[in-house]
Amino acid sequence: MQLSPPLVIASIDAARPVFMIVMGLSLAIFTWRLASGARSWSARLMVAGSLMLALGYAVILPAYAGVLIQQINDPNLANPASALGWHLVKLVTMN
């Protein structure tokens, strides 16, 4: 009897991008609901910051985890300018 390899879906590496997507969306929804009644600039800045962070968590980091975007420390970079640009997008959205 040959044992099959463990399921990839049940691994931590497979669950991490799903967790980041759910966390990013819940952050955006929570902040939107928190600031929905306010009409000040502080509420708008809070919503803008949470939407940028949600974009980073829900789109950018799972794309890095799924190797859809080349990482800047990859020795086989096909296009270093593209990798640097995505790294800057990640820095802006996550900070």
Protein backbone atom coordinates (compact mmCIF):
# COMPACT_ATOMS: atom_id res chain seq x y z
CA MET A 1 0.00 0.00 0.00
CA GLN A 2 1.41 3.34 -1.03
CA LEU A 3 0.60 6.38 1.06
CA SER A 4 -0.34 9.48 -0.84
CA PRO A 5 1.30 12.82 0.02
CA PRO A 6 -0.61 15.08 2.41
CA LEU A 7 -3.21 17.37 0.91
CA VAL A 8 -1.81 20.71 -0.15
CA ILE A 9 -5.13 22.39 0.57
CA ALA A 10 -4.89 21.47 4.24
CA SER A 11 -1.47 23.04 4.75
CA ILE A 12 -0.64 26.28 6.53
CA ASP A 13 0.88 27.72 3.35
CA ALA A 14 -2.41 27.19 1.51
CA ALA A 15 -4.51 28.70 4.31
CA ARG A 16 -2.38 31.82 4.80
CA PRO A 17 -3.54 33.67 1.62
CA VAL A 18 -7.18 32.86 2.42
CA PHE A 19 -6.72 34.22 5.93
CA MET A 20 -5.14 37.41 4.53
CA ILE A 21 -8.03 37.91 2.09
CA VAL A 22 -10.64 37.43 4.82
CA MET A 23 -8.74 39.72 7.19
CA GLY A 24 -8.40 42.46 4.55
CA LEU A 25 -12.08 42.36 3.67
CA SER A 26 -13.19 42.31 7.30
CA LEU A 27 -10.90 45.28 8.05
CA ALA A 28 -12.43 47.26 5.18
CA ILE A 29 -16.00 46.40 6.20
CA PHE A 30 -15.37 47.15 9.89
CA THR A 31 -13.82 50.54 9.18
CA TRP A 32 -16.50 51.43 6.64
CA ARG A 33 -19.22 50.66 9.18
CA LEU A 34 -17.35 52.53 11.92
CA ALA A 35 -16.96 55.70 9.84
CA SER A 36 -20.25 55.57 7.95
CA GLY A 37 -21.97 58.19 10.10
CA ALA A 38 -19.02 60.56 10.37
CA ARG A 39 -18.45 63.38 7.91
CA SER A 40 -15.03 64.58 9.04
CA TRP A 41 -11.63 64.31 7.40
CA SER A 42 -10.39 61.96 10.08
CA ALA A 43 -13.06 59.42 9.16
CA ARG A 44 -12.20 59.74 5.46
CA LEU A 45 -8.51 59.25 6.19
CA MET A 46 -9.30 56.23 8.33
CA VAL A 47 -11.40 54.68 5.55
CA ALA A 48 -8.74 55.44 2.91
CA GLY A 49 -6.02 53.88 5.05
CA SER A 50 -8.06 50.79 5.77
CA LEU A 51 -8.91 50.38 2.08
CA MET A 52 -5.23 50.59 1.16
CA LEU A 53 -4.37 48.07 3.86
CA ALA A 54 -7.22 45.83 2.73
CA LEU A 55 -5.88 46.01 -0.84
CA GLY A 56 -2.48 44.97 0.44
CA TYR A 57 -3.85 42.10 2.50
CA ALA A 58 -6.49 40.86 0.05
CA VAL A 59 -4.64 41.28 -3.28
CA ILE A 60 -0.93 42.07 -3.02
CA LEU A 61 0.23 39.65 -0.30
CA PRO A 62 -1.69 36.62 -1.67
CA ALA A 63 -0.23 37.40 -5.10
CA TYR A 64 3.24 37.33 -3.55
CA ALA A 65 2.41 34.09 -1.73
CA GLY A 66 1.14 32.51 -4.94
CA VAL A 67 4.23 33.73 -6.84
CA LEU A 68 2.06 35.69 -9.27
CA ILE A 69 4.32 38.67 -8.60
CA GLN A 70 8.07 38.15 -8.64
CA GLN A 71 9.78 38.94 -5.40
CA ILE A 72 12.60 41.46 -5.38
CA ASN A 73 15.09 38.97 -3.90
CA ASP A 74 14.49 36.39 -6.68
CA PRO A 75 17.84 35.69 -8.42
CA ASN A 76 16.09 34.88 -11.75
CA LEU A 77 14.31 38.19 -12.28
CA ALA A 78 12.94 38.54 -15.80
CA ASN A 79 12.11 42.21 -15.36
CA PRO A 80 13.74 43.97 -12.37
CA ALA A 81 11.78 47.19 -12.95
CA SER A 82 8.48 45.34 -12.64
CA ALA A 83 9.62 43.59 -9.45
CA LEU A 84 10.74 46.91 -7.98
CA GLY A 85 7.44 48.55 -8.95
CA TRP A 86 5.37 45.82 -7.26
CA HIS A 87 7.63 46.04 -4.21
CA LEU A 88 6.93 49.78 -4.00
CA VAL A 89 3.18 49.15 -4.38
CA LYS A 90 3.41 46.67 -1.51
CA LEU A 91 5.32 49.17 0.64
CA VAL A 92 2.83 51.96 -0.01
CA THR A 93 -0.28 49.88 0.60
CA MET A 94 1.02 48.04 3.65
CA ASN A 95 2.56 51.08 5.37
